[in-house]
Amino acid sequence: MKKVLFIYSKRRLKGRNRSLHIDWVDDCKNDVIVKFWGQGFGNQSKKGLLKVITSFNPDYIYLTIRKRYEGWLFDLTSIKVPKIFVEVDTWNYNAKDLWYKQFDHVYCRSPIWKTQFASYNKMMPSEKQFHRRIRNLESWKDVPQLRWSISKKHICRNPNINRKKVYFIGKYTSQTGLYEDRRFMKKTMSDVITCFQRLQYKKYFNLLKSAKALICPTETGLGHFVPGKIFEYAASGAAILTNCDFDLINMPEIEGFVIRYENLEDLRYKIKNVDFSKYYGALVPLMLENTHSKRYKKLFI
């Protein structure tokens, strides 16, 4: 079995987003032995890291989400263990930044964004920062992708259960003004869509599995992209209404199993007129091929 030293922040091990970033550790325990080190895990000096490396003898060091390390993690260039980094927040950083040179392998979650759909609005901090972020996104287009994946435990094996409402679960407020269409959707479509912004881990997945349909919009002020939660939605067995372009994540096979909408008027029409039951469980077989264990086994073995 391979050994992986996962450098991370201990306080980030809990919360809803652990499903995307942490659950793979449990799912891969039959193939990979993982040990955590970093902020909150004891001595986080370079001497502390070298001591852990000597005792654990990892085959790889794994890190993800650059902002998790700002302010405390030293440069790892001199550490000779192969180092893998996976970036999520590609709009915040330029792929050619020297910071990434310390890693042997760098991946990103979203290699392509449709930045021609980006739009600046006065809620964003500054127009200069907006354009900098757009340039950052362009820099990632040739970086290898590590696709999102899903834990087996979240895949609904009985999709034809009693399903209740149509939900949108995701951000619709932001100090950076990224979600204008989502805010308008919440304001004008509360009669047909129930919106939730932040939910704890267990409640979030229970709600997904109780949904008749889930809304998965692509819009932000930084352009169009495919959210990682599409895997969580697909695993729930619910119908999915979306305007995402799945070519952006190299998974066009999703297209035939979702309900596509063009705008909010079209979304309202389809919520009222489409038979969602025809889509229940449609993407479950595909999600069984995109589990954490299959994804990370290829990364480390």
C-alpha atoms as a PDB file:
ATOM      1  CA  MET A   1       0.000   0.000   0.000  1.00  0.00           C
ATOM      2  CA  LYS A   2       1.171   3.529  -0.795  1.00  0.00           C
ATOM      3  CA  LYS A   3       1.624   6.068   1.978  1.00  0.00           C
ATOM      4  CA  VAL A   4       0.421   9.650   1.551  1.00  0.00           C
ATOM      5  CA  LEU A   5       1.226  12.533   3.872  1.00  0.00           C
ATOM      6  CA  PHE A   6      -1.688  14.964   3.563  1.00  0.00           C
ATOM      7  CA  ILE A   7      -0.641  18.490   4.580  1.00  0.00           C
ATOM      8  CA  TYR A   8      -3.748  20.402   5.632  1.00  0.00           C
ATOM      9  CA  SER A   9      -5.407  22.388   8.403  1.00  0.00           C
ATOM     10  CA  LYS A  10      -7.027  20.331  11.164  1.00  0.00           C
ATOM     11  CA  ARG A  11      -9.963  22.682  11.626  1.00  0.00           C
ATOM     12  CA  ARG A  12     -10.835  22.217   7.951  1.00  0.00           C
ATOM     13  CA  LEU A  13     -11.491  18.493   8.368  1.00  0.00           C
ATOM     14  CA  LYS A  14     -15.096  19.203   9.390  1.00  0.00           C
ATOM     15  CA  GLY A  15     -17.910  20.957   7.565  1.00  0.00           C
ATOM     16  CA  ARG A  16     -19.845  20.263   4.370  1.00  0.00           C
ATOM     17  CA  ASN A  17     -16.969  20.749   1.919  1.00  0.00           C
ATOM     18  CA  ARG A  18     -15.041  17.883   3.432  1.00  0.00           C
ATOM     19  CA  SER A  19     -17.011  15.659   1.055  1.00  0.00           C
ATOM     20  CA  LEU A  20     -15.072  17.173  -1.857  1.00  0.00           C
ATOM     21  CA  HIS A  21     -11.660  17.486  -0.219  1.00  0.00           C
ATOM     22  CA  ILE A  22     -11.391  14.969   2.636  1.00  0.00           C
ATOM     23  CA  ASP A  23     -13.786  12.026   2.193  1.00  0.00           C
ATOM     24  CA  TRP A  24     -11.407  10.364  -0.259  1.00  0.00           C
ATOM     25  CA  VAL A  25      -9.137   9.516   2.686  1.00  0.00           C
ATOM     26  CA  ASP A  26     -11.702   7.093   4.135  1.00  0.00           C
ATOM     27  CA  ASP A  27     -12.789   5.796   0.742  1.00  0.00           C
ATOM     28  CA  CYS A  28      -9.226   4.882  -0.244  1.00  0.00           C
ATOM     29  CA  LYS A  29      -8.152   3.262   3.032  1.00  0.00           C
ATOM     30  CA  ASN A  30      -7.858  -0.166   1.378  1.00  0.00           C
ATOM     31  CA  ASP A  31      -5.347   1.187  -1.153  1.00  0.00           C
ATOM     32  CA  VAL A  32      -3.626   4.134   0.529  1.00  0.00           C
ATOM     33  CA  ILE A  33      -2.446   4.857   4.071  1.00  0.00           C
ATOM     34  CA  VAL A  34      -2.932   8.563   4.804  1.00  0.00           C
ATOM     35  CA  LYS A  35      -1.424  10.590   7.631  1.00  0.00           C
ATOM     36  CA  PHE A  36      -2.284  14.244   8.277  1.00  0.00           C
ATOM     37  CA  TRP A  37       0.271  16.892   9.172  1.00  0.00           C
ATOM     38  CA  GLY A  38       0.033  20.661   9.287  1.00  0.00           C
ATOM     39  CA  GLN A  39      -1.784  23.426  11.107  1.00  0.00           C
ATOM     40  CA  GLY A  40      -3.307  21.984  14.277  1.00  0.00           C
ATOM     41  CA  PHE A  41      -1.533  18.617  14.002  1.00  0.00           C
ATOM     42  CA  GLY A  42       1.374  19.382  16.347  1.00  0.00           C
ATOM     43  CA  ASN A  43       4.800  20.787  15.531  1.00  0.00           C
ATOM     44  CA  GLN A  44       4.312  22.561  12.176  1.00  0.00           C
ATOM     45  CA  SER A  45       7.919  23.680  11.761  1.00  0.00           C
ATOM     46  CA  LYS A  46      10.166  22.262   9.057  1.00  0.00           C
ATOM     47  CA  LYS A  47      11.872  20.194  11.741  1.00  0.00           C
ATOM     48  CA  GLY A  48       8.454  18.807  12.714  1.00  0.00           C
ATOM     49  CA  LEU A  49       7.690  17.886   9.103  1.00  0.00           C
ATOM     50  CA  LEU A  50      11.048  16.150   8.634  1.00  0.00           C
ATOM     51  CA  LYS A  51      10.442  14.148  11.798  1.00  0.00           C
ATOM     52  CA  VAL A  52       7.054  12.974  10.480  1.00  0.00           C
ATOM     53  CA  ILE A  53       8.581  12.109   7.106  1.00  0.00           C
ATOM     54  CA  THR A  54      11.289  10.041   8.790  1.00  0.00           C
ATOM     55  CA  SER A  55       8.812   8.103  10.933  1.00  0.00           C
ATOM     56  CA  PHE A  56       5.998   7.716   8.358  1.00  0.00           C
ATOM     57  CA  ASN A  57       8.160   7.374   5.225  1.00  0.00           C
ATOM     58  CA  PRO A  58       5.510   8.573   2.743  1.00  0.00           C
ATOM     59  CA  ASP A  59       5.520   7.778  -0.969  1.00  0.00           C
ATOM     60  CA  TYR A  60       3.807  11.094  -1.708  1.00  0.00           C
ATOM     61  CA  ILE A  61       2.979  14.406  -0.082  1.00  0.00           C
ATOM     62  CA  TYR A  62      -0.454  15.778  -1.042  1.00  0.00           C
ATOM     63  CA  LEU A  63      -1.838  19.319  -0.690  1.00  0.00           C
ATOM     64  CA  THR A  64      -4.924  21.120  -2.001  1.00  0.00           C
ATOM     65  CA  ILE A  65      -6.380  24.668  -1.964  1.00  0.00           C
ATOM     66  CA  ARG A  66      -3.506  27.160  -1.779  1.00  0.00           C
ATOM     67  CA  LYS A  67      -5.246  29.585   0.582  1.00  0.00           C
ATOM     68  CA  ARG A  68      -5.261  26.860   3.254  1.00  0.00           C
ATOM     69  CA  TYR A  69      -1.469  27.248   3.575  1.00  0.00           C
ATOM     70  CA  GLU A  70      -0.993  30.987   3.443  1.00  0.00           C
ATOM     71  CA  GLY A  71       0.688  32.429   6.499  1.00  0.00           C
ATOM     72  CA  TRP A  72       2.101  29.244   7.988  1.00  0.00           C
ATOM     73  CA  LEU A  73       3.523  26.747   5.479  1.00  0.00           C
ATOM     74  CA  PHE A  74       7.186  27.136   4.521  1.00  0.00           C
ATOM     75  CA  ASP A  75       8.635  26.332   1.083  1.00  0.00           C
ATOM     76  CA  LEU A  76       8.775  22.580   0.409  1.00  0.00           C
ATOM     77  CA  THR A  77      11.280  22.616  -2.454  1.00  0.00           C
ATOM     78  CA  SER A  78      14.024  20.894  -0.449  1.00  0.00           C
ATOM     79  CA  ILE A  79      11.706  18.056   0.624  1.00  0.00           C
ATOM     80  CA  LYS A  80      12.596  15.170  -1.653  1.00  0.00           C
ATOM     81  CA  VAL A  81       9.360  13.175  -1.343  1.00  0.00           C
ATOM     82  CA  PRO A  82       7.238  13.564  -4.536  1.00  0.00           C
ATOM     83  CA  LYS A  83       4.777  16.383  -3.907  1.00  0.00           C
ATOM     84  CA  ILE A  84       1.315  16.641  -5.517  1.00  0.00           C
ATOM     85  CA  PHE A  85      -0.743  19.826  -5.391  1.00  0.00           C
ATOM     86  CA  VAL A  86      -4.371  20.227  -6.528  1.00  0.00           C
ATOM     87  CA  GLU A  87      -5.665  23.783  -6.982  1.00  0.00           C
ATOM     88  CA  VAL A  88      -9.341  24.583  -6.600  1.00  0.00           C
ATOM     89  CA  ASP A  89      -9.368  28.396  -6.493  1.00  0.00           C
ATOM     90  CA  THR A  90      -7.896  28.957  -9.926  1.00  0.00           C
ATOM     91  CA  TRP A  91      -9.361  32.474 -10.199  1.00  0.00           C
ATOM     92  CA  ASN A  92      -7.254  33.641  -7.233  1.00  0.00           C
ATOM     93  CA  TYR A  93      -3.837  32.540  -8.478  1.00  0.00           C
ATOM     94  CA  ASN A  94      -1.794  32.452 -11.663  1.00  0.00           C
ATOM     95  CA  ALA A  95      -0.660  28.970 -12.665  1.00  0.00           C
ATOM     96  CA  LYS A  96       2.767  30.328 -13.583  1.00  0.00           C
ATOM     97  CA  ASP A  97       3.315  31.728 -10.088  1.00  0.00           C
ATOM     98  CA  LEU A  98       6.658  30.548  -8.655  1.00  0.00           C
ATOM     99  CA  TRP A  99       4.823  29.189  -5.599  1.00  0.00           C
ATOM    100  CA  TYR A 100       3.708  26.171  -7.641  1.00  0.00           C
ATOM    101  CA  LYS A 101       7.283  25.350  -8.685  1.00  0.00           C
ATOM    102  CA  GLN A 102       7.915  23.619  -5.341  1.00  0.00           C
ATOM    103  CA  PHE A 103       5.640  20.722  -6.386  1.00  0.00           C
ATOM    104  CA  ASP A 104       6.463  17.799  -8.636  1.00  0.00           C
ATOM    105  CA  HIS A 105       2.916  17.563 -10.008  1.00  0.00           C
ATOM    106  CA  VAL A 106       0.271  20.303 -10.146  1.00  0.00           C
ATOM    107  CA  TYR A 107      -3.370  19.696 -11.079  1.00  0.00           C
ATOM    108  CA  CYS A 108      -6.479  21.833 -11.139  1.00  0.00           C
ATOM    109  CA  ARG A 109     -10.156  21.014 -10.745  1.00  0.00           C
ATOM    110  CA  SER A 110     -11.472  23.275 -13.529  1.00  0.00           C
ATOM    111  CA  PRO A 111      -8.991  23.547 -16.417  1.00  0.00           C
ATOM    112  CA  ILE A 112     -11.304  25.636 -18.604  1.00  0.00           C
ATOM    113  CA  TRP A 113     -13.729  28.458 -17.780  1.00  0.00           C
ATOM    114  CA  LYS A 114     -15.824  30.344 -20.316  1.00  0.00           C
ATOM    115  CA  THR A 115     -14.427  33.697 -19.302  1.00  0.00           C
ATOM    116  CA  GLN A 116     -16.110  35.500 -22.208  1.00  0.00           C
ATOM    117  CA  PHE A 117     -19.244  35.381 -20.045  1.00  0.00           C
ATOM    118  CA  ALA A 118     -17.540  37.205 -17.171  1.00  0.00           C
ATOM    119  CA  SER A 119     -18.917  40.574 -16.157  1.00  0.00           C
ATOM    120  CA  TYR A 120     -17.730  43.205 -13.720  1.00  0.00           C
ATOM    121  CA  ASN A 121     -20.232  44.826 -11.376  1.00  0.00           C
ATOM    122  CA  LYS A 122     -19.898  47.433  -8.670  1.00  0.00           C
ATOM    123  CA  MET A 123     -20.159  44.849  -5.865  1.00  0.00           C
ATOM    124  CA  MET A 124     -16.741  43.484  -6.777  1.00  0.00           C
ATOM    125  CA  PRO A 125     -13.771  44.968  -4.895  1.00  0.00           C
ATOM    126  CA  SER A 126     -12.260  46.661  -7.948  1.00  0.00           C
ATOM    127  CA  GLU A 127     -12.286  46.411 -11.719  1.00  0.00           C
ATOM    128  CA  LYS A 128      -8.514  45.900 -11.620  1.00  0.00           C
ATOM    129  CA  GLN A 129      -8.877  42.834  -9.384  1.00  0.00           C
ATOM    130  CA  PHE A 130     -11.669  41.498 -11.591  1.00  0.00           C
ATOM    131  CA  HIS A 131      -9.465  41.578 -14.694  1.00  0.00           C
ATOM    132  CA  ARG A 132      -6.545  40.064 -12.780  1.00  0.00           C
ATOM    133  CA  ARG A 133      -8.739  37.116 -11.808  1.00  0.00           C
ATOM    134  CA  ILE A 134      -9.866  36.624 -15.389  1.00  0.00           C
ATOM    135  CA  ARG A 135      -6.223  36.497 -16.502  1.00  0.00           C
ATOM    136  CA  ASN A 136      -5.526  33.948 -13.753  1.00  0.00           C
ATOM    137  CA  LEU A 137      -8.235  31.654 -15.104  1.00  0.00           C
ATOM    138  CA  GLU A 138      -6.688  31.712 -18.578  1.00  0.00           C
ATOM    139  CA  SER A 139      -3.339  30.595 -17.142  1.00  0.00           C
ATOM    140  CA  TRP A 140      -4.770  27.243 -16.001  1.00  0.00           C
ATOM    141  CA  LYS A 141      -6.108  26.016 -19.327  1.00  0.00           C
ATOM    142  CA  ASP A 142      -3.100  23.735 -20.023  1.00  0.00           C
ATOM    143  CA  VAL A 143      -2.712  22.412 -16.455  1.00  0.00           C
ATOM    144  CA  PRO A 144      -3.798  18.754 -16.066  1.00  0.00           C
ATOM    145  CA  GLN A 145      -7.207  18.239 -14.523  1.00  0.00           C
ATOM    146  CA  LEU A 146      -8.059  16.134 -11.504  1.00  0.00           C
ATOM    147  CA  ARG A 147     -11.788  15.639 -11.872  1.00  0.00           C
ATOM    148  CA  TRP A 148     -14.095  15.877  -8.928  1.00  0.00           C
ATOM    149  CA  SER A 149     -15.365  12.588  -7.549  1.00  0.00           C
ATOM    150  CA  ILE A 150     -17.867  11.285  -5.002  1.00  0.00           C
ATOM    151  CA  SER A 151     -17.817   9.032  -1.952  1.00  0.00           C
ATOM    152  CA  LYS A 152     -19.612   5.710  -2.393  1.00  0.00           C
ATOM    153  CA  LYS A 153     -21.533   6.354   0.825  1.00  0.00           C
ATOM    154  CA  HIS A 154     -23.316   9.310  -0.792  1.00  0.00           C
ATOM    155  CA  ILE A 155     -24.566   7.410  -3.838  1.00  0.00           C
ATOM    156  CA  CYS A 156     -28.315   6.798  -3.549  1.00  0.00           C
ATOM    157  CA  ARG A 157     -29.068   3.162  -4.359  1.00  0.00           C
ATOM    158  CA  ASN A 158     -32.858   3.649  -4.193  1.00  0.00           C
ATOM    159  CA  PRO A 159     -33.583   6.790  -6.227  1.00  0.00           C
ATOM    160  CA  ASN A 160     -37.367   6.193  -6.393  1.00  0.00           C
ATOM    161  CA  ILE A 161     -37.951   7.268  -2.794  1.00  0.00           C
ATOM    162  CA  ASN A 162     -40.433   9.910  -1.662  1.00  0.00           C
ATOM    163  CA  ARG A 163     -39.036  13.103  -3.131  1.00  0.00           C
ATOM    164  CA  LYS A 164     -40.331  16.449  -1.901  1.00  0.00           C
ATOM    165  CA  LYS A 165     -39.201  19.736  -3.445  1.00  0.00           C
ATOM    166  CA  VAL A 166     -36.976  21.490  -5.964  1.00  0.00           C
ATOM    167  CA  TYR A 167     -33.878  22.865  -4.260  1.00  0.00           C
ATOM    168  CA  PHE A 168     -31.023  25.198  -5.020  1.00  0.00           C
ATOM    169  CA  ILE A 169     -28.216  24.613  -2.517  1.00  0.00           C
ATOM    170  CA  GLY A 170     -25.265  26.933  -2.932  1.00  0.00           C
ATOM    171  CA  LYS A 171     -23.964  30.472  -2.614  1.00  0.00           C
ATOM    172  CA  TYR A 172     -26.200  33.314  -3.701  1.00  0.00           C
ATOM    173  CA  THR A 173     -24.642  36.141  -1.667  1.00  0.00           C
ATOM    174  CA  SER A 174     -21.063  37.322  -1.970  1.00  0.00           C
ATOM    175  CA  GLN A 175     -19.031  40.361  -1.005  1.00  0.00           C
ATOM    176  CA  THR A 176     -17.364  40.076  -4.404  1.00  0.00           C
ATOM    177  CA  GLY A 177     -20.634  40.209  -6.357  1.00  0.00           C
ATOM    178  CA  LEU A 178     -20.179  36.889  -8.118  1.00  0.00           C
ATOM    179  CA  TYR A 179     -23.725  35.530  -8.029  1.00  0.00           C
ATOM    180  CA  GLU A 180     -26.046  38.112  -9.568  1.00  0.00           C
ATOM    181  CA  ASP A 181     -28.217  35.591 -11.452  1.00  0.00           C
ATOM    182  CA  ARG A 182     -28.486  33.349  -8.413  1.00  0.00           C
ATOM    183  CA  ARG A 183     -29.646  36.238  -6.237  1.00  0.00           C
ATOM    184  CA  PHE A 184     -32.273  37.115  -8.823  1.00  0.00           C
ATOM    185  CA  MET A 185     -33.377  33.471  -8.982  1.00  0.00           C
ATOM    186  CA  LYS A 186     -33.874  33.358  -5.215  1.00  0.00           C
ATOM    187  CA  LYS A 187     -35.767  36.661  -5.231  1.00  0.00           C
ATOM    188  CA  THR A 188     -38.150  35.861  -8.077  1.00  0.00           C
ATOM    189  CA  MET A 189     -38.621  32.067  -7.962  1.00  0.00           C
ATOM    190  CA  SER A 190     -39.272  31.302  -4.296  1.00  0.00           C
ATOM    191  CA  ASP A 191     -42.669  29.886  -5.265  1.00  0.00           C
ATOM    192  CA  VAL A 192     -41.041  26.989  -7.175  1.00  0.00           C
ATOM    193  CA  ILE A 193     -37.503  26.727  -5.731  1.00  0.00           C
ATOM    194  CA  THR A 194     -36.419  26.424  -2.097  1.00  0.00           C
ATOM    195  CA  CYS A 195     -32.939  27.913  -1.611  1.00  0.00           C
ATOM    196  CA  PHE A 196     -30.303  27.025   0.982  1.00  0.00           C
ATOM    197  CA  GLN A 197     -26.897  28.678   1.172  1.00  0.00           C
ATOM    198  CA  ARG A 198     -24.919  26.907   3.900  1.00  0.00           C
ATOM    199  CA  LEU A 199     -25.760  23.527   5.375  1.00  0.00           C
ATOM    200  CA  GLN A 200     -23.855  21.157   7.599  1.00  0.00           C
ATOM    201  CA  TYR A 201     -22.534  17.931   6.123  1.00  0.00           C
ATOM    202  CA  LYS A 202     -25.248  15.452   7.194  1.00  0.00           C
ATOM    203  CA  LYS A 203     -28.186  17.800   6.579  1.00  0.00           C
ATOM    204  CA  TYR A 204     -26.825  18.701   3.155  1.00  0.00           C
ATOM    205  CA  PHE A 205     -26.649  15.116   1.889  1.00  0.00           C
ATOM    206  CA  ASN A 206     -29.996  14.164   3.444  1.00  0.00           C
ATOM    207  CA  LEU A 207     -31.590  17.124   1.674  1.00  0.00           C
ATOM    208  CA  LEU A 208     -30.039  16.149  -1.664  1.00  0.00           C
ATOM    209  CA  LYS A 209     -31.510  12.660  -1.435  1.00  0.00           C
ATOM    210  CA  SER A 210     -34.980  14.046  -0.606  1.00  0.00           C
ATOM    211  CA  ALA A 211     -35.097  16.400  -3.610  1.00  0.00           C
ATOM    212  CA  LYS A 212     -37.335  16.024  -6.635  1.00  0.00           C
ATOM    213  CA  ALA A 213     -34.871  18.141  -8.568  1.00  0.00           C
ATOM    214  CA  LEU A 214     -31.717  20.155  -7.914  1.00  0.00           C
ATOM    215  CA  ILE A 215     -30.688  23.378  -9.641  1.00  0.00           C
ATOM    216  CA  CYS A 216     -27.031  23.512 -10.729  1.00  0.00           C
ATOM    217  CA  PRO A 217     -26.269  26.906 -12.300  1.00  0.00           C
ATOM    218  CA  THR A 218     -22.900  27.696 -13.836  1.00  0.00           C
ATOM    219  CA  GLU A 219     -22.982  31.481 -13.376  1.00  0.00           C
ATOM    220  CA  THR A 220     -20.539  33.640 -11.474  1.00  0.00           C
ATOM    221  CA  GLY A 221     -19.207  37.081 -12.259  1.00  0.00           C
ATOM    222  CA  LEU A 222     -15.939  35.416 -13.289  1.00  0.00           C
ATOM    223  CA  GLY A 223     -17.406  33.406 -16.135  1.00  0.00           C
ATOM    224  CA  HIS A 224     -19.048  30.037 -16.625  1.00  0.00           C
ATOM    225  CA  PHE A 225     -17.733  26.884 -14.976  1.00  0.00           C
ATOM    226  CA  VAL A 226     -19.003  23.506 -13.762  1.00  0.00           C
ATOM    227  CA  PRO A 227     -19.347  23.314  -9.954  1.00  0.00           C
ATOM    228  CA  GLY A 228     -17.867  20.324  -8.147  1.00  0.00           C
ATOM    229  CA  LYS A 229     -21.237  19.751  -6.505  1.00  0.00           C
ATOM    230  CA  ILE A 230     -22.566  18.310  -9.785  1.00  0.00           C
ATOM    231  CA  PHE A 231     -21.102  14.966  -8.637  1.00  0.00           C
ATOM    232  CA  GLU A 232     -22.909  15.236  -5.304  1.00  0.00           C
ATOM    233  CA  TYR A 233     -26.144  16.134  -7.080  1.00  0.00           C
ATOM    234  CA  ALA A 234     -25.814  13.260  -9.529  1.00  0.00           C
ATOM    235  CA  ALA A 235     -25.137  10.790  -6.717  1.00  0.00           C
ATOM    236  CA  SER A 236     -28.346  11.842  -4.936  1.00  0.00           C
ATOM    237  CA  GLY A 237     -30.557  10.284  -7.607  1.00  0.00           C
ATOM    238  CA  ALA A 238     -32.568  13.502  -8.021  1.00  0.00           C
ATOM    239  CA  ALA A 239     -33.288  15.130 -11.364  1.00  0.00           C
ATOM    240  CA  ILE A 240     -30.835  17.920 -12.218  1.00  0.00           C
ATOM    241  CA  LEU A 241     -31.723  21.192 -13.930  1.00  0.00           C
ATOM    242  CA  THR A 242     -28.614  22.940 -15.221  1.00  0.00           C
ATOM    243  CA  ASN A 243     -27.119  25.334 -17.737  1.00  0.00           C
ATOM    244  CA  CYS A 244     -23.605  23.896 -17.308  1.00  0.00           C
ATOM    245  CA  ASP A 245     -21.432  22.970 -20.275  1.00  0.00           C
ATOM    246  CA  PHE A 246     -20.023  19.565 -19.363  1.00  0.00           C
ATOM    247  CA  ASP A 247     -17.412  19.718 -22.105  1.00  0.00           C
ATOM    248  CA  LEU A 248     -15.590  22.055 -19.697  1.00  0.00           C
ATOM    249  CA  ILE A 249     -14.826  19.087 -17.423  1.00  0.00           C
ATOM    250  CA  ASN A 250     -14.395  16.608 -20.275  1.00  0.00           C
ATOM    251  CA  MET A 251     -17.559  14.718 -19.295  1.00  0.00           C
ATOM    252  CA  PRO A 252     -20.037  15.213 -22.166  1.00  0.00           C
ATOM    253  CA  GLU A 253     -21.694  11.923 -21.178  1.00  0.00           C
ATOM    254  CA  ILE A 254     -23.531  13.765 -18.377  1.00  0.00           C
ATOM    255  CA  GLU A 255     -25.452  15.813 -20.940  1.00  0.00           C
ATOM    256  CA  GLY A 256     -28.067  13.210 -21.841  1.00  0.00           C
ATOM    257  CA  PHE A 257     -29.148  12.665 -18.247  1.00  0.00           C
ATOM    258  CA  VAL A 258     -29.905  16.218 -17.101  1.00  0.00           C
ATOM    259  CA  ILE A 259     -32.624  18.772 -17.863  1.00  0.00           C
ATOM    260  CA  ARG A 260     -31.118  21.769 -19.595  1.00  0.00           C
ATOM    261  CA  TYR A 261     -32.493  25.287 -19.175  1.00  0.00           C
ATOM    262  CA  GLU A 262     -31.529  28.398 -21.150  1.00  0.00           C
ATOM    263  CA  ASN A 263     -32.631  31.195 -18.800  1.00  0.00           C
ATOM    264  CA  LEU A 264     -34.715  31.712 -15.676  1.00  0.00           C
ATOM    265  CA  GLU A 265     -37.972  31.875 -17.633  1.00  0.00           C
ATOM    266  CA  ASP A 266     -37.142  28.535 -19.226  1.00  0.00           C
ATOM    267  CA  LEU A 267     -36.126  27.161 -15.813  1.00  0.00           C
ATOM    268  CA  ARG A 268     -39.509  28.091 -14.343  1.00  0.00           C
ATOM    269  CA  TYR A 269     -41.325  26.459 -17.274  1.00  0.00           C
ATOM    270  CA  LYS A 270     -39.412  23.208 -16.916  1.00  0.00           C
ATOM    271  CA  ILE A 271     -39.879  23.045 -13.155  1.00  0.00           C
ATOM    272  CA  LYS A 272     -43.633  23.251 -13.736  1.00  0.00           C
ATOM    273  CA  ASN A 273     -43.894  20.948 -16.754  1.00  0.00           C
ATOM    274  CA  VAL A 274     -41.158  18.290 -16.813  1.00  0.00           C
ATOM    275  CA  ASP A 275     -41.743  14.854 -15.296  1.00  0.00           C
ATOM    276  CA  PHE A 276     -38.726  14.623 -12.979  1.00  0.00           C
ATOM    277  CA  SER A 277     -39.294  10.959 -12.136  1.00  0.00           C
ATOM    278  CA  LYS A 278     -37.928   9.994 -15.567  1.00  0.00           C
ATOM    279  CA  TYR A 279     -34.521  11.291 -14.433  1.00  0.00           C
ATOM    280  CA  TYR A 280     -34.360   9.725 -10.973  1.00  0.00           C
ATOM    281  CA  GLY A 281     -31.159   7.720 -10.613  1.00  0.00           C
ATOM    282  CA  ALA A 282     -30.145   8.326 -14.237  1.00  0.00           C
ATOM    283  CA  LEU A 283     -26.609   9.413 -13.337  1.00  0.00           C
ATOM    284  CA  VAL A 284     -25.986   6.913 -10.542  1.00  0.00           C
ATOM    285  CA  PRO A 285     -24.208   4.364 -12.823  1.00  0.00           C
ATOM    286  CA  LEU A 286     -21.865   7.106 -14.041  1.00  0.00           C
ATOM    287  CA  MET A 287     -21.142   8.210 -10.478  1.00  0.00           C
ATOM    288  CA  LEU A 288     -20.194   4.640  -9.559  1.00  0.00           C
ATOM    289  CA  GLU A 289     -17.403   5.046 -12.132  1.00  0.00           C
ATOM    290  CA  ASN A 290     -16.317   8.346 -10.569  1.00  0.00           C
ATOM    291  CA  THR A 291     -15.878   7.458  -6.924  1.00  0.00           C
ATOM    292  CA  HIS A 292     -13.068   8.788  -4.749  1.00  0.00           C
ATOM    293  CA  SER A 293     -11.477   5.360  -4.548  1.00  0.00           C
ATOM    294  CA  LYS A 294     -11.190   5.074  -8.323  1.00  0.00           C
ATOM    295  CA  ARG A 295     -10.021   8.655  -8.815  1.00  0.00           C
ATOM    296  CA  TYR A 296      -7.314   8.772  -6.147  1.00  0.00           C
ATOM    297  CA  LYS A 297      -6.090   5.254  -6.742  1.00  0.00           C
ATOM    298  CA  LYS A 298      -4.983   6.437 -10.195  1.00  0.00           C
ATOM    299  CA  LEU A 299      -3.331   9.495  -8.656  1.00  0.00           C
ATOM    300  CA  PHE A 300      -1.194   7.646  -6.118  1.00  0.00           C
ATOM    301  CA  ILE A 301      -0.692   4.145  -7.532  1.00  0.00           C
END
